N, C-alpha and C. Protein backbone atom coordinates (compact mmCIF):
# COMPACT_ATOMS: atom_id res chain seq x y z
N MET A 1 0.90 -1.18 0.02
CA MET A 1 -0.01 0.17 0.05
C MET A 1 0.89 1.28 -0.06
N ASP A 2 0.56 2.20 -1.03
CA ASP A 2 1.58 3.44 -0.93
C ASP A 2 1.19 4.27 0.01
N ALA A 3 1.81 5.31 0.62
CA ALA A 3 1.53 6.23 1.65
C ALA A 3 0.32 7.07 1.56
N LEU A 4 0.10 7.78 0.22
CA LEU A 4 -1.11 8.50 0.14
C LEU A 4 -2.59 7.59 0.31
N THR A 5 -2.38 6.40 -0.38
CA THR A 5 -3.49 5.26 -0.16
C THR A 5 -3.51 5.11 1.32
N LEU A 6 -2.66 4.88 2.07
CA LEU A 6 -2.86 4.63 3.51
C LEU A 6 -3.54 5.92 4.21
N LEU A 7 -3.00 7.07 3.94
CA LEU A 7 -3.30 8.16 4.50
C LEU A 7 -4.90 8.41 4.33
N LEU A 8 -5.27 8.25 2.90
CA LEU A 8 -6.82 8.60 2.49
C LEU A 8 -7.47 7.40 2.65
N THR A 9 -7.31 6.35 3.30
CA THR A 9 -8.33 5.26 3.19
C THR A 9 -8.40 4.79 4.74
N ARG A 10 -7.33 5.25 5.54
CA ARG A 10 -7.30 4.63 6.95
C ARG A 10 -8.63 4.99 7.59
N GLN A 11 -9.27 4.02 8.32
CA GLN A 11 -10.33 4.40 9.22
C GLN A 11 -10.36 3.55 10.61
N SER A 12 -11.08 3.92 11.54
CA SER A 12 -10.85 3.26 12.85
C SER A 12 -12.07 2.06 12.51
N CYS A 13 -11.47 1.17 13.29
CA CYS A 13 -12.12 -0.17 13.08
C CYS A 13 -12.51 -0.70 14.65
N PRO A 14 -13.73 -0.54 14.77
CA PRO A 14 -14.01 -0.74 16.11
C PRO A 14 -14.60 -2.28 16.53
N ARG A 15 -14.73 -2.92 15.59
CA ARG A 15 -14.85 -4.30 15.91
C ARG A 15 -13.71 -5.16 15.49
N LEU A 16 -13.01 -5.88 16.45
CA LEU A 16 -11.89 -6.40 16.18
C LEU A 16 -11.68 -8.12 16.90
N THR A 17 -11.25 -9.00 16.24
CA THR A 17 -11.23 -10.19 16.53
C THR A 17 -9.57 -10.87 16.67
N LYS A 18 -9.55 -11.85 16.90
CA LYS A 18 -8.18 -12.71 16.88
C LYS A 18 -8.10 -12.89 15.36
N PRO A 19 -6.81 -12.98 15.09
CA PRO A 19 -5.38 -13.03 15.84
C PRO A 19 -4.95 -11.49 15.94
N ALA A 20 -4.25 -11.29 17.12
CA ALA A 20 -3.53 -9.95 17.37
C ALA A 20 -2.44 -10.16 16.29
N PRO A 21 -1.66 -8.69 16.34
CA PRO A 21 -0.40 -8.56 15.32
C PRO A 21 0.49 -9.97 15.97
N ASN A 22 1.10 -10.62 15.09
CA ASN A 22 2.22 -11.32 15.31
C ASN A 22 3.33 -10.43 15.73
N ALA A 23 4.49 -11.47 15.95
CA ALA A 23 5.76 -10.55 16.56
C ALA A 23 6.34 -9.64 15.66
N ASP A 24 6.29 -10.17 14.42
CA ASP A 24 6.75 -9.21 13.25
C ASP A 24 6.01 -7.92 12.83
N GLN A 25 4.59 -8.29 12.87
CA GLN A 25 3.88 -6.94 12.66
C GLN A 25 3.88 -6.36 13.97
N LEU A 26 3.90 -6.56 15.12
CA LEU A 26 4.06 -5.72 16.31
C LEU A 26 5.34 -5.02 16.14
N LYS A 27 6.40 -5.54 15.68
CA LYS A 27 7.73 -4.77 15.83
C LYS A 27 7.41 -3.50 14.69
N VAL A 28 6.91 -4.00 13.51
CA VAL A 28 6.97 -2.63 12.61
C VAL A 28 5.98 -1.74 13.15
N ILE A 29 4.91 -2.22 13.84
CA ILE A 29 4.04 -1.25 14.58
C ILE A 29 4.78 -0.34 15.58
N LEU A 30 5.71 -0.83 16.40
CA LEU A 30 6.49 -0.32 17.37
C LEU A 30 7.71 0.63 16.69
N ASP A 31 8.18 0.08 15.71
CA ASP A 31 9.20 0.84 14.91
C ASP A 31 8.38 2.20 14.18
N ALA A 32 7.11 2.18 13.62
CA ALA A 32 6.98 3.16 13.17
C ALA A 32 6.35 4.24 14.22
N ALA A 33 6.20 3.98 15.48
CA ALA A 33 5.77 4.88 16.54
C ALA A 33 7.26 5.52 16.80
N ALA A 34 8.54 4.87 16.71
CA ALA A 34 9.57 5.50 17.13
C ALA A 34 10.02 6.40 16.42
N ARG A 35 9.39 6.51 14.79
CA ARG A 35 9.80 7.50 13.99
C ARG A 35 9.03 8.71 13.88
N VAL A 36 8.18 8.96 14.76
CA VAL A 36 7.40 10.06 14.62
C VAL A 36 8.26 11.34 15.08
N PRO A 37 7.77 12.50 14.48
CA PRO A 37 8.34 13.72 14.84
C PRO A 37 8.49 13.94 16.49
N ASP A 38 10.09 14.03 16.63
CA ASP A 38 10.06 14.35 18.20
C ASP A 38 11.24 14.95 18.24
N HIS A 39 10.89 16.41 18.59
CA HIS A 39 11.76 17.44 18.94
C HIS A 39 12.60 17.12 20.04
N GLY A 40 13.97 17.41 19.94
CA GLY A 40 14.81 17.12 20.92
C GLY A 40 15.15 15.54 20.78
N GLY A 41 14.61 14.52 20.23
CA GLY A 41 14.80 13.32 20.21
C GLY A 41 14.43 12.59 21.57
N LEU A 42 13.59 13.01 22.40
CA LEU A 42 13.35 12.53 23.45
C LEU A 42 12.77 11.16 23.88
N ALA A 43 11.88 10.68 22.89
CA ALA A 43 11.25 9.74 22.95
C ALA A 43 10.30 9.69 24.04
N PRO A 44 9.41 10.62 24.07
CA PRO A 44 8.79 10.79 25.50
C PRO A 44 7.58 9.78 25.51
N TRP A 45 7.75 8.79 25.27
CA TRP A 45 6.51 7.69 25.36
C TRP A 45 6.89 6.42 26.05
N GLU A 46 5.94 5.89 26.16
CA GLU A 46 6.00 4.42 26.60
C GLU A 46 4.93 3.65 26.27
N PHE A 47 5.18 2.42 25.77
CA PHE A 47 3.98 1.35 25.14
C PHE A 47 4.00 0.23 26.16
N ILE A 48 2.62 0.31 26.66
CA ILE A 48 2.32 -0.72 27.59
C ILE A 48 1.54 -1.78 26.77
N ILE A 49 1.96 -3.10 26.51
CA ILE A 49 1.15 -4.01 25.57
C ILE A 49 0.36 -5.11 26.62
N ALA A 50 -1.02 -5.24 26.11
CA ALA A 50 -1.59 -6.07 26.97
C ALA A 50 -2.38 -6.96 26.01
N GLU A 51 -2.01 -8.32 25.79
CA GLU A 51 -2.67 -9.40 25.16
C GLU A 51 -2.61 -10.74 26.36
N GLY A 52 -3.83 -11.41 25.85
CA GLY A 52 -3.74 -12.73 26.90
C GLY A 52 -4.11 -12.34 28.14
N ASP A 53 -3.15 -12.98 29.05
CA ASP A 53 -3.71 -12.40 30.52
C ASP A 53 -3.29 -11.00 30.89
N GLY A 54 -2.56 -10.37 29.87
CA GLY A 54 -2.46 -9.00 30.20
C GLY A 54 -3.82 -8.26 29.87
N LEU A 55 -4.69 -8.74 28.97
CA LEU A 55 -5.94 -8.13 28.67
C LEU A 55 -6.80 -8.14 30.10
N SER A 56 -6.61 -9.41 30.81
CA SER A 56 -7.63 -9.61 31.85
C SER A 56 -6.99 -9.02 33.20
N LYS A 57 -5.71 -8.58 33.20
CA LYS A 57 -5.32 -7.28 34.26
C LYS A 57 -5.60 -6.19 34.23
N LEU A 58 -5.61 -5.77 32.69
CA LEU A 58 -6.25 -4.21 32.29
C LEU A 58 -7.54 -4.42 32.45
N ALA A 59 -8.69 -5.49 32.44
CA ALA A 59 -9.84 -5.18 32.73
C ALA A 59 -10.26 -5.24 34.40
N ASP A 60 -9.45 -6.00 35.12
CA ASP A 60 -9.20 -5.83 36.45
C ASP A 60 -8.98 -4.38 36.84
N ILE A 61 -7.98 -3.77 35.97
CA ILE A 61 -7.68 -2.40 36.28
C ILE A 61 -8.96 -1.28 36.20
N PHE A 62 -9.48 -1.66 35.00
CA PHE A 62 -10.49 -0.79 34.61
C PHE A 62 -11.75 -0.91 35.55
N GLU A 63 -12.09 -2.08 36.12
CA GLU A 63 -13.23 -2.47 36.77
C GLU A 63 -12.74 -1.72 38.15
N ALA A 64 -11.55 -2.02 38.89
CA ALA A 64 -11.25 -1.40 39.98
C ALA A 64 -11.40 0.23 39.84
N ALA A 65 -10.85 0.76 38.72
CA ALA A 65 -10.98 2.18 38.68
C ALA A 65 -12.59 2.65 38.59
N ALA A 66 -13.19 1.84 37.75
CA ALA A 66 -14.89 2.30 37.58
C ALA A 66 -15.39 2.19 39.19
N SER A 67 -15.03 1.39 39.91
CA SER A 67 -15.64 1.06 41.40
C SER A 67 -15.04 2.12 42.07
N GLN A 68 -13.85 2.46 42.13
CA GLN A 68 -13.30 3.82 42.76
C GLN A 68 -14.14 4.95 42.61
N GLN A 69 -14.52 5.08 41.29
CA GLN A 69 -15.00 6.52 40.83
C GLN A 69 -16.55 6.38 41.08
N GLY A 70 -16.98 5.38 42.03
CA GLY A 70 -18.44 5.24 42.39
C GLY A 70 -19.40 5.05 41.21
N ALA A 71 -18.77 4.31 40.16
CA ALA A 71 -19.74 4.24 39.33
C ALA A 71 -20.95 3.08 39.61
N ASP A 72 -22.11 2.82 38.79
CA ASP A 72 -23.03 1.98 39.17
C ASP A 72 -22.70 0.54 38.58
N ASP A 73 -23.22 -0.42 38.81
CA ASP A 73 -22.84 -1.75 38.49
C ASP A 73 -22.68 -1.94 37.02
N ASP A 74 -23.66 -1.33 36.29
CA ASP A 74 -23.60 -1.60 34.70
C ASP A 74 -22.49 -1.24 34.03
N PHE A 75 -21.92 0.26 34.68
CA PHE A 75 -20.85 0.58 34.01
C PHE A 75 -19.47 -0.09 34.39
N ILE A 76 -19.33 -0.50 36.02
CA ILE A 76 -18.51 -1.42 36.35
C ILE A 76 -18.39 -2.80 35.29
N GLU A 77 -19.34 -3.20 35.10
CA GLU A 77 -19.35 -4.39 34.22
C GLU A 77 -18.97 -4.01 32.80
N LYS A 78 -19.37 -2.91 32.43
CA LYS A 78 -18.64 -2.42 31.05
C LYS A 78 -17.21 -2.02 31.17
N ALA A 79 -16.74 -1.68 32.11
CA ALA A 79 -15.60 -1.25 31.94
C ALA A 79 -14.68 -2.64 32.23
N ALA A 80 -15.19 -3.42 32.79
CA ALA A 80 -14.49 -4.91 32.95
C ALA A 80 -14.45 -5.59 31.43
N ASN A 81 -15.49 -5.17 30.50
CA ASN A 81 -15.41 -5.96 29.45
C ASN A 81 -14.78 -5.35 28.45
N MET A 82 -14.27 -3.89 28.66
CA MET A 82 -13.85 -2.92 27.37
C MET A 82 -12.38 -3.65 26.97
N PRO A 83 -11.70 -4.28 27.62
CA PRO A 83 -10.36 -4.87 27.11
C PRO A 83 -10.65 -6.21 26.37
N LYS A 84 -11.84 -6.57 26.25
CA LYS A 84 -12.07 -7.83 25.62
C LYS A 84 -12.64 -7.47 24.09
N ARG A 85 -12.57 -6.13 23.84
CA ARG A 85 -13.07 -5.70 22.44
C ARG A 85 -11.84 -5.94 21.30
N ALA A 86 -10.61 -6.47 21.87
CA ALA A 86 -9.69 -6.55 21.00
C ALA A 86 -8.78 -7.57 21.38
N PRO A 87 -7.85 -8.42 20.83
CA PRO A 87 -6.90 -9.15 21.18
C PRO A 87 -5.53 -8.68 21.81
N MET A 88 -5.34 -7.31 21.37
CA MET A 88 -4.35 -6.53 21.81
C MET A 88 -4.66 -5.13 22.21
N ILE A 89 -4.25 -4.67 23.28
CA ILE A 89 -4.40 -3.00 23.53
C ILE A 89 -2.94 -2.60 23.83
N ILE A 90 -2.79 -1.64 23.24
CA ILE A 90 -1.23 -0.88 23.47
C ILE A 90 -1.48 0.36 24.41
N THR A 91 -1.40 0.45 25.62
CA THR A 91 -1.62 1.82 26.17
C THR A 91 -0.47 2.92 25.98
N VAL A 92 -0.65 3.94 25.14
CA VAL A 92 0.60 4.76 24.92
C VAL A 92 0.58 6.05 26.01
N VAL A 93 1.75 5.96 26.65
CA VAL A 93 1.69 6.91 27.76
C VAL A 93 2.88 8.21 27.46
N ALA A 94 2.65 9.21 27.41
CA ALA A 94 3.51 10.40 27.31
C ALA A 94 4.09 10.49 28.61
N LYS A 95 5.44 10.45 28.45
CA LYS A 95 6.76 10.37 29.59
C LYS A 95 7.47 11.39 29.48
N THR A 96 6.72 12.93 29.70
CA THR A 96 7.13 13.88 29.71
C THR A 96 8.21 14.44 30.44
N ARG A 97 9.22 15.27 30.01
CA ARG A 97 10.43 15.69 30.92
C ARG A 97 10.28 17.10 30.90
N SER A 98 10.15 17.63 32.40
CA SER A 98 10.29 19.06 32.53
C SER A 98 11.50 19.65 32.69
N ASP A 99 12.51 18.85 32.66
CA ASP A 99 14.00 19.28 32.77
C ASP A 99 14.49 19.89 31.39
N VAL A 100 13.56 19.62 30.34
CA VAL A 100 14.20 19.83 29.06
C VAL A 100 13.32 21.15 28.50
N THR A 101 14.09 22.22 28.77
CA THR A 101 13.00 23.72 28.80
C THR A 101 12.96 23.69 27.46
N LYS A 102 13.73 23.34 26.38
CA LYS A 102 13.44 23.73 25.02
C LYS A 102 12.54 22.97 24.28
N VAL A 103 11.87 21.94 24.94
CA VAL A 103 10.87 21.24 24.39
C VAL A 103 9.66 21.18 25.46
N PRO A 104 8.78 22.09 25.44
CA PRO A 104 7.50 21.87 26.20
C PRO A 104 6.86 20.60 26.45
N GLU A 105 6.34 20.55 27.54
CA GLU A 105 5.77 19.27 27.91
C GLU A 105 4.61 19.30 27.07
N PHE A 106 3.90 20.08 26.34
CA PHE A 106 2.92 19.91 25.35
C PHE A 106 3.36 19.36 24.09
N GLU A 107 4.52 19.62 23.73
CA GLU A 107 5.07 19.28 22.50
C GLU A 107 5.52 17.60 22.71
N GLN A 108 5.84 17.19 23.76
CA GLN A 108 6.10 15.92 24.28
C GLN A 108 4.82 15.04 24.21
N GLN A 109 3.80 15.55 24.48
CA GLN A 109 2.55 15.01 24.51
C GLN A 109 2.09 14.80 23.14
N LEU A 110 2.25 15.82 22.25
CA LEU A 110 1.70 15.68 21.15
C LEU A 110 2.57 14.57 20.12
N ALA A 111 3.96 14.29 20.65
CA ALA A 111 4.67 13.46 20.20
C ALA A 111 4.23 11.85 20.49
N ALA A 112 3.92 11.83 21.80
CA ALA A 112 3.15 10.58 22.00
C ALA A 112 1.95 10.34 21.28
N GLY A 113 1.35 11.45 21.11
CA GLY A 113 0.06 11.01 20.37
C GLY A 113 0.36 10.73 18.65
N CYS A 114 1.09 11.37 18.48
CA CYS A 114 1.70 10.77 17.00
C CYS A 114 2.19 9.54 16.87
N ALA A 115 2.61 9.08 17.93
CA ALA A 115 2.94 7.65 18.13
C ALA A 115 1.95 6.66 18.05
N VAL A 116 0.70 7.34 18.64
CA VAL A 116 -0.58 6.29 18.50
C VAL A 116 -1.14 6.41 17.08
N MET A 117 -0.89 7.52 16.42
CA MET A 117 -1.41 7.59 14.78
C MET A 117 -0.65 6.62 14.02
N ALA A 118 0.68 6.79 14.26
CA ALA A 118 1.76 6.04 13.59
C ALA A 118 1.48 4.60 13.75
N MET A 119 1.17 4.10 14.90
CA MET A 119 1.10 2.67 15.10
C MET A 119 -0.40 2.17 14.58
N GLN A 120 -1.28 3.07 14.64
CA GLN A 120 -2.53 2.91 13.95
C GLN A 120 -2.38 2.67 12.26
N GLN A 121 -1.50 3.46 11.89
CA GLN A 121 -1.35 3.53 10.44
C GLN A 121 -0.65 1.89 10.03
N ALA A 122 0.50 1.82 10.59
CA ALA A 122 1.25 0.69 10.75
C ALA A 122 0.37 -0.56 10.68
N ALA A 123 -0.52 -0.64 11.61
CA ALA A 123 -1.34 -1.75 11.58
C ALA A 123 -2.30 -1.96 10.50
N PHE A 124 -2.78 -0.86 9.83
CA PHE A 124 -3.80 -0.83 9.17
C PHE A 124 -2.67 -1.13 7.57
N ALA A 125 -1.84 -0.69 7.37
CA ALA A 125 -1.02 -0.97 6.32
C ALA A 125 -0.49 -2.46 6.41
N GLN A 126 -0.75 -3.21 7.46
CA GLN A 126 -0.34 -4.55 7.27
C GLN A 126 -1.55 -5.40 7.10
N GLY A 127 -2.79 -4.99 7.03
CA GLY A 127 -4.14 -5.60 7.09
C GLY A 127 -4.80 -5.76 8.27
N LEU A 128 -4.45 -5.10 9.28
CA LEU A 128 -5.08 -5.26 10.51
C LEU A 128 -5.92 -4.16 10.81
N GLY A 129 -6.80 -4.52 11.88
CA GLY A 129 -7.67 -3.06 12.19
C GLY A 129 -7.34 -2.75 13.41
N ALA A 130 -7.70 -1.34 13.80
CA ALA A 130 -7.22 -0.84 14.95
C ALA A 130 -8.14 0.55 15.22
N ILE A 131 -8.52 0.85 16.43
CA ILE A 131 -9.11 2.15 16.79
C ILE A 131 -8.52 2.75 18.17
N TRP A 132 -8.25 4.17 18.13
CA TRP A 132 -7.50 4.68 19.27
C TRP A 132 -8.96 5.14 19.99
N ARG A 133 -8.62 4.92 21.38
CA ARG A 133 -9.54 5.28 22.32
C ARG A 133 -8.88 5.81 23.39
N THR A 134 -9.86 6.78 23.90
CA THR A 134 -9.12 7.62 25.27
C THR A 134 -10.23 7.18 26.33
N GLY A 135 -11.22 8.03 26.68
CA GLY A 135 -12.08 7.72 27.65
C GLY A 135 -11.81 8.43 29.03
N SER A 136 -12.45 8.11 30.15
CA SER A 136 -12.10 8.63 31.41
C SER A 136 -10.86 7.95 32.08
N PHE A 137 -10.65 6.62 31.61
CA PHE A 137 -9.66 5.88 32.07
C PHE A 137 -8.29 6.47 31.83
N ALA A 138 -8.17 7.17 30.72
CA ALA A 138 -7.03 7.82 30.36
C ALA A 138 -6.51 8.95 31.29
N PHE A 139 -7.37 9.56 32.15
CA PHE A 139 -7.10 10.13 32.99
C PHE A 139 -7.41 9.82 34.39
N ASP A 140 -7.58 8.71 34.96
CA ASP A 140 -7.91 7.95 36.10
C ASP A 140 -6.92 7.90 37.01
N GLU A 141 -6.59 8.12 38.20
CA GLU A 141 -5.27 7.88 39.06
C GLU A 141 -5.30 6.54 39.26
N THR A 142 -6.62 5.70 39.63
CA THR A 142 -6.44 4.21 39.68
C THR A 142 -5.66 3.65 38.48
N VAL A 143 -6.07 3.85 37.44
CA VAL A 143 -5.60 3.14 36.25
C VAL A 143 -3.82 3.45 36.28
N ASN A 144 -3.50 4.85 36.42
CA ASN A 144 -2.26 5.24 36.49
C ASN A 144 -1.48 4.44 37.45
N LYS A 145 -1.98 4.50 38.48
CA LYS A 145 -1.24 3.75 39.61
C LYS A 145 -1.01 2.14 39.56
N GLU A 146 -2.11 1.91 38.93
CA GLU A 146 -2.11 0.39 38.88
C GLU A 146 -1.08 -0.18 37.40
N LEU A 147 -1.02 0.56 36.50
CA LEU A 147 0.07 0.55 35.60
C LEU A 147 1.38 0.90 35.73
N GLY A 148 1.75 1.54 37.01
CA GLY A 148 3.05 1.99 37.32
C GLY A 148 3.32 3.26 36.86
N LEU A 149 2.50 4.14 36.48
CA LEU A 149 2.90 5.32 35.94
C LEU A 149 3.21 6.45 37.12
N GLU A 150 4.18 7.19 36.40
CA GLU A 150 4.58 8.27 37.39
C GLU A 150 3.58 9.58 37.57
N ILE A 151 3.64 10.47 38.42
CA ILE A 151 2.43 11.59 38.49
C ILE A 151 2.50 12.31 37.22
N ASP A 152 3.62 12.75 36.73
CA ASP A 152 3.48 13.53 35.65
C ASP A 152 3.11 12.87 34.09
N ASP A 153 3.07 11.58 34.24
CA ASP A 153 2.72 10.69 33.06
C ASP A 153 1.35 10.94 32.77
N GLN A 154 1.05 10.84 31.31
CA GLN A 154 -0.42 11.09 30.78
C GLN A 154 -0.57 9.99 29.73
N ILE A 155 -1.69 9.16 30.05
CA ILE A 155 -2.05 8.21 28.99
C ILE A 155 -2.50 9.04 27.75
N VAL A 156 -2.16 8.76 26.71
CA VAL A 156 -2.87 9.55 25.26
C VAL A 156 -3.58 8.67 24.58
N GLY A 157 -3.72 7.31 25.01
CA GLY A 157 -4.66 6.74 24.17
C GLY A 157 -4.54 5.09 24.52
N PHE A 158 -5.52 4.39 24.21
CA PHE A 158 -5.38 2.91 24.42
C PHE A 158 -5.83 2.61 23.01
N LEU A 159 -4.97 2.06 22.47
CA LEU A 159 -4.91 1.44 21.05
C LEU A 159 -5.32 0.10 20.84
N TYR A 160 -6.59 -0.18 20.41
CA TYR A 160 -6.93 -1.55 20.43
C TYR A 160 -6.51 -1.95 19.01
N ILE A 161 -6.28 -3.10 18.79
CA ILE A 161 -5.53 -4.04 17.71
C ILE A 161 -5.96 -5.13 17.46
N GLY A 162 -6.32 -5.69 16.17
CA GLY A 162 -6.63 -7.01 16.08
C GLY A 162 -6.88 -7.10 14.46
N THR A 163 -7.84 -8.06 13.98
CA THR A 163 -8.08 -8.24 13.03
C THR A 163 -9.72 -7.74 12.61
N PRO A 164 -9.95 -7.09 11.73
CA PRO A 164 -11.23 -6.67 11.35
C PRO A 164 -12.15 -7.53 11.53
N ALA A 165 -13.18 -7.61 12.43
CA ALA A 165 -14.39 -8.61 12.62
C ALA A 165 -15.50 -8.73 11.54
N ILE A 166 -15.47 -7.49 10.85
CA ILE A 166 -16.38 -7.13 9.88
C ILE A 166 -16.01 -6.30 8.60
N ASP A 167 -16.29 -6.54 7.42
CA ASP A 167 -15.87 -5.50 6.54
C ASP A 167 -16.51 -4.23 6.69
N MET A 168 -15.50 -3.26 6.65
CA MET A 168 -15.99 -2.06 6.86
C MET A 168 -16.06 -1.38 5.42
N PRO A 169 -16.99 -0.73 5.24
CA PRO A 169 -17.14 0.12 3.85
C PRO A 169 -16.27 1.21 4.08
N LEU A 170 -15.68 1.65 3.18
CA LEU A 170 -14.70 2.89 3.21
C LEU A 170 -15.68 4.15 3.15
N LYS A 171 -15.58 4.94 4.31
CA LYS A 171 -16.20 6.07 4.56
C LYS A 171 -16.09 6.87 3.40
N PRO A 172 -17.07 7.72 2.90
CA PRO A 172 -16.88 8.94 1.87
C PRO A 172 -15.62 9.78 2.46
N GLN A 173 -14.74 10.06 1.48
CA GLN A 173 -13.51 10.65 1.81
C GLN A 173 -13.87 12.33 2.31
N LYS A 174 -13.46 13.03 3.23
CA LYS A 174 -13.75 14.10 3.52
C LYS A 174 -12.77 15.14 3.01
N ASP A 175 -13.53 16.00 2.45
CA ASP A 175 -12.65 17.29 1.87
C ASP A 175 -11.86 18.02 2.95
N GLY A 176 -10.67 17.59 2.79
CA GLY A 176 -9.66 18.44 3.90
C GLY A 176 -9.66 20.13 3.88
N SER A 177 -10.11 20.29 2.62
CA SER A 177 -9.70 21.97 2.46
C SER A 177 -10.93 22.46 3.04
N GLN A 178 -11.96 21.83 3.56
CA GLN A 178 -12.92 22.62 4.25
C GLN A 178 -12.63 23.07 5.55
N PHE A 179 -11.47 22.44 6.11
CA PHE A 179 -11.03 23.05 7.46
C PHE A 179 -9.69 23.93 7.36
N ALA A 180 -9.40 24.20 6.30
CA ALA A 180 -8.16 25.08 5.90
C ALA A 180 -8.54 26.50 5.87
N ARG A 181 -7.73 27.40 6.14
CA ARG A 181 -7.88 28.84 5.67
C ARG A 181 -6.78 29.38 5.35
N TYR A 182 -6.55 30.69 4.44
CA TYR A 182 -5.33 31.01 4.22
C TYR A 182 -5.12 32.23 4.86
N LEU A 183 -4.24 33.01 5.11
CA LEU A 183 -3.83 34.07 5.71
C LEU A 183 -3.40 35.31 4.65
C-alpha cells in the first residue's frame, strides 16, 4: 500500500477479533511509533502492551477504577469488558520531561499522540484493524497507579488492535480543504 492510499483510506475499526498482530507485525507497529516527529529526540513515550493474560489484568484495572469512581454496577461491568473488544491493546503514555526547557511538555505529549497515529497506520498498512480510544480511564488515578505510571505521566490513548471482525465499507473521503483557511 502506498503512503497516500494509506493516509486517504485509513479508518478506525471498532470491531476487532483474533488474531492479534504477530511478533513481526508488532515490531513494525512499534518501529513506526519510534519514527514520529520528536523535537529533541526525547522519545517521550512508553508503550504498555496487553494481550492474553494482560487483557485480563487491564480488565481488572478498569473495573477497579470504575468502582473507585463510584460508578453503578452496569458501568463497572462495562469497564471490565472493555479490554475484551480486541486481542491486543497498547496503552500509549506520554512520559514528559520537565527538565528539557527547549521542548515544552505539550510538544512531548503531541509526540506521544503522533506515536499512536503511526501505530494505527502501521497496523492498517499490514491488513490489521485498530481504533484509538481514550475515555475517562486515560485520566484516572487508579489506572495510572496500577499501570505503574509516574505522577506527570499522561495516557494519550488505548490503541485496540486486531483483525477486523467485519468488512467496513470505506467512508466517503472528507474534503480536507473545508478545514483550512489562508492568511
